[in-house]
Structures are given as C-alpha cells and as structure tokens.
Amino acid sequence: MACNPAGTYTHPGDNDTHGGYCHTEPSVVIHVIDACPHNHQFNTYSCTDQRPNHIDLSCSAFASIVDDRQTVGNIGSLNVWVRPVSCSVGLGLKTL
C-alpha cells in the first residue's frame, strides 16, 4: 500500500484529499486480517456498505506512508494505491 497524492476521494466535511501529506516513494506491506468492524461504536461512518474499500491502518503503517508523522491521528483519511504482493516480501516499510 502506498499513499496516492493524486487520489480524488475527500472525507465529507473537510473537502481535502490529504494528498499533500503523502510520501512520494515508500510503500508499506500490510496484512489484512479482518473486515472493517461495522458494529464498532467509533466506525459508524467509515465502516459501512457505502465505503466498501475502507481499510483501517495501524498508526505505524499510516506513519510509514505520510510525510509528517505529526499528521497520524490528525487526518482521518488518505487515498492509497493497493496491490497484492507475495507473503515472502514480509511486512513493513518497502520500496517496491
């Protein structure tokens, strides 16, 4: 997964794609382990049928693909590129 500075999705209410926060090269390898918890009390907006491509990231994964670590927890969404990779690549920060 890598931050997509050219993405067009905006979080309703802020009208900002947050593309300015993207690192230009590194990507992070994540392991998707569960569906978005639709019944979680704090995910009533993001984890719904209207947003089927939503992925929650750990703070460390999020920090790996943004330019400023201070933004982790301060911006609610990013546009990303996603592609499958072999499990042999391993988790964490990569340049793929």
Protein backbone atom coordinates (compact mmCIF):
# COMPACT_ATOMS: atom_id res chain seq x y z
CA MET A 1 0.00 0.00 0.00
CA ALA A 2 1.25 3.46 -0.86
CA CYS A 3 -0.22 6.92 -0.40
CA ASN A 4 -1.82 8.24 -3.60
CA PRO A 5 -1.34 12.02 -3.81
CA ALA A 6 -3.46 12.13 -6.99
CA GLY A 7 -6.46 10.44 -5.36
CA THR A 8 -9.80 12.22 -5.55
CA TYR A 9 -11.69 10.90 -2.51
CA THR A 10 -12.37 13.51 0.16
CA HIS A 11 -13.69 12.97 3.65
CA PRO A 12 -17.11 14.66 3.80
CA GLY A 13 -16.94 17.84 5.77
CA ASP A 14 -13.31 18.73 5.06
CA ASN A 15 -13.19 18.53 1.22
CA ASP A 16 -9.46 17.71 1.36
CA THR A 17 -7.85 14.67 -0.30
CA HIS A 18 -4.85 14.98 2.06
CA GLY A 19 -2.56 14.27 -0.91
CA GLY A 20 -0.08 16.83 0.38
CA TYR A 21 0.78 14.50 3.25
CA CYS A 22 1.90 11.63 1.01
CA HIS A 23 5.45 10.30 0.86
CA THR A 24 6.44 10.05 -2.79
CA GLU A 25 8.21 6.66 -2.75
CA PRO A 26 7.90 4.31 0.17
CA SER A 27 5.11 1.85 0.48
CA VAL A 28 4.14 -0.36 3.37
CA VAL A 29 3.29 -4.03 3.22
CA ILE A 30 0.25 -4.76 5.35
CA HIS A 31 -1.56 -7.94 6.21
CA VAL A 32 -5.33 -7.62 6.01
CA ILE A 33 -6.65 -9.75 8.84
CA ASP A 34 -10.29 -8.81 9.21
CA ALA A 35 -13.12 -6.89 7.66
CA CYS A 36 -13.80 -3.39 8.91
CA PRO A 37 -15.70 -3.77 12.19
CA HIS A 38 -19.10 -2.50 11.07
CA ASN A 39 -20.56 -2.72 14.54
CA HIS A 40 -17.76 -0.81 16.29
CA GLN A 41 -19.09 2.30 18.02
CA PHE A 42 -16.40 4.57 16.54
CA ASN A 43 -16.66 3.25 12.97
CA THR A 44 -20.22 4.20 12.16
CA TYR A 45 -19.03 6.45 9.32
CA SER A 46 -16.13 4.62 7.68
CA CYS A 47 -17.15 1.01 8.09
CA THR A 48 -20.40 0.90 6.19
CA ASP A 49 -21.66 -0.61 2.95
CA GLN A 50 -21.24 2.82 1.30
CA ARG A 51 -17.44 2.60 1.80
CA PRO A 52 -16.55 -1.00 0.87
CA ASN A 53 -12.91 -0.16 0.12
CA HIS A 54 -12.15 1.40 3.51
CA ILE A 55 -9.12 -0.07 5.31
CA ASP A 56 -8.11 0.84 8.85
CA LEU A 57 -4.33 1.01 9.25
CA SER A 58 -2.23 0.76 12.36
CA CYS A 59 -0.57 4.03 13.40
CA SER A 60 2.85 2.65 12.42
CA ALA A 61 1.68 1.66 8.92
CA PHE A 62 -0.06 5.02 8.46
CA ALA A 63 3.06 6.88 9.64
CA SER A 64 5.14 5.00 7.06
CA ILE A 65 3.24 6.41 4.08
CA VAL A 66 2.69 10.01 5.20
CA ASP A 67 5.26 12.79 5.04
CA ASP A 68 4.76 14.17 8.54
CA ARG A 69 4.42 11.80 11.49
CA GLN A 70 2.51 14.53 13.36
CA THR A 71 -0.42 14.00 10.99
CA VAL A 72 -1.08 10.48 12.32
CA GLY A 73 -4.30 10.78 14.26
CA ASN A 74 -5.00 14.27 12.92
CA ILE A 75 -6.20 13.42 9.43
CA GLY A 76 -8.90 10.85 9.01
CA SER A 77 -8.32 9.50 5.54
CA LEU A 78 -5.87 9.12 2.68
CA ASN A 79 -6.15 7.93 -0.88
CA VAL A 80 -3.93 4.91 -1.43
CA TRP A 81 -2.73 2.52 -4.10
CA VAL A 82 -3.04 -1.14 -3.20
CA ARG A 83 -1.65 -4.23 -4.90
CA PRO A 84 -1.13 -7.78 -3.71
CA VAL A 85 2.41 -8.99 -3.07
CA SER A 86 3.89 -12.35 -2.16
CA CYS A 87 3.94 -13.20 1.53
CA SER A 88 7.69 -13.70 1.17
CA VAL A 89 8.11 -9.90 0.85
CA GLY A 90 7.42 -9.52 4.57
CA LEU A 91 5.58 -6.80 6.45
CA GLY A 92 6.69 -3.21 6.93
CA LEU A 93 8.17 -0.28 5.02
CA LYS A 94 9.35 -1.13 1.48
CA THR A 95 10.26 0.50 -1.81
CA LEU A 96 8.54 -1.76 -4.33
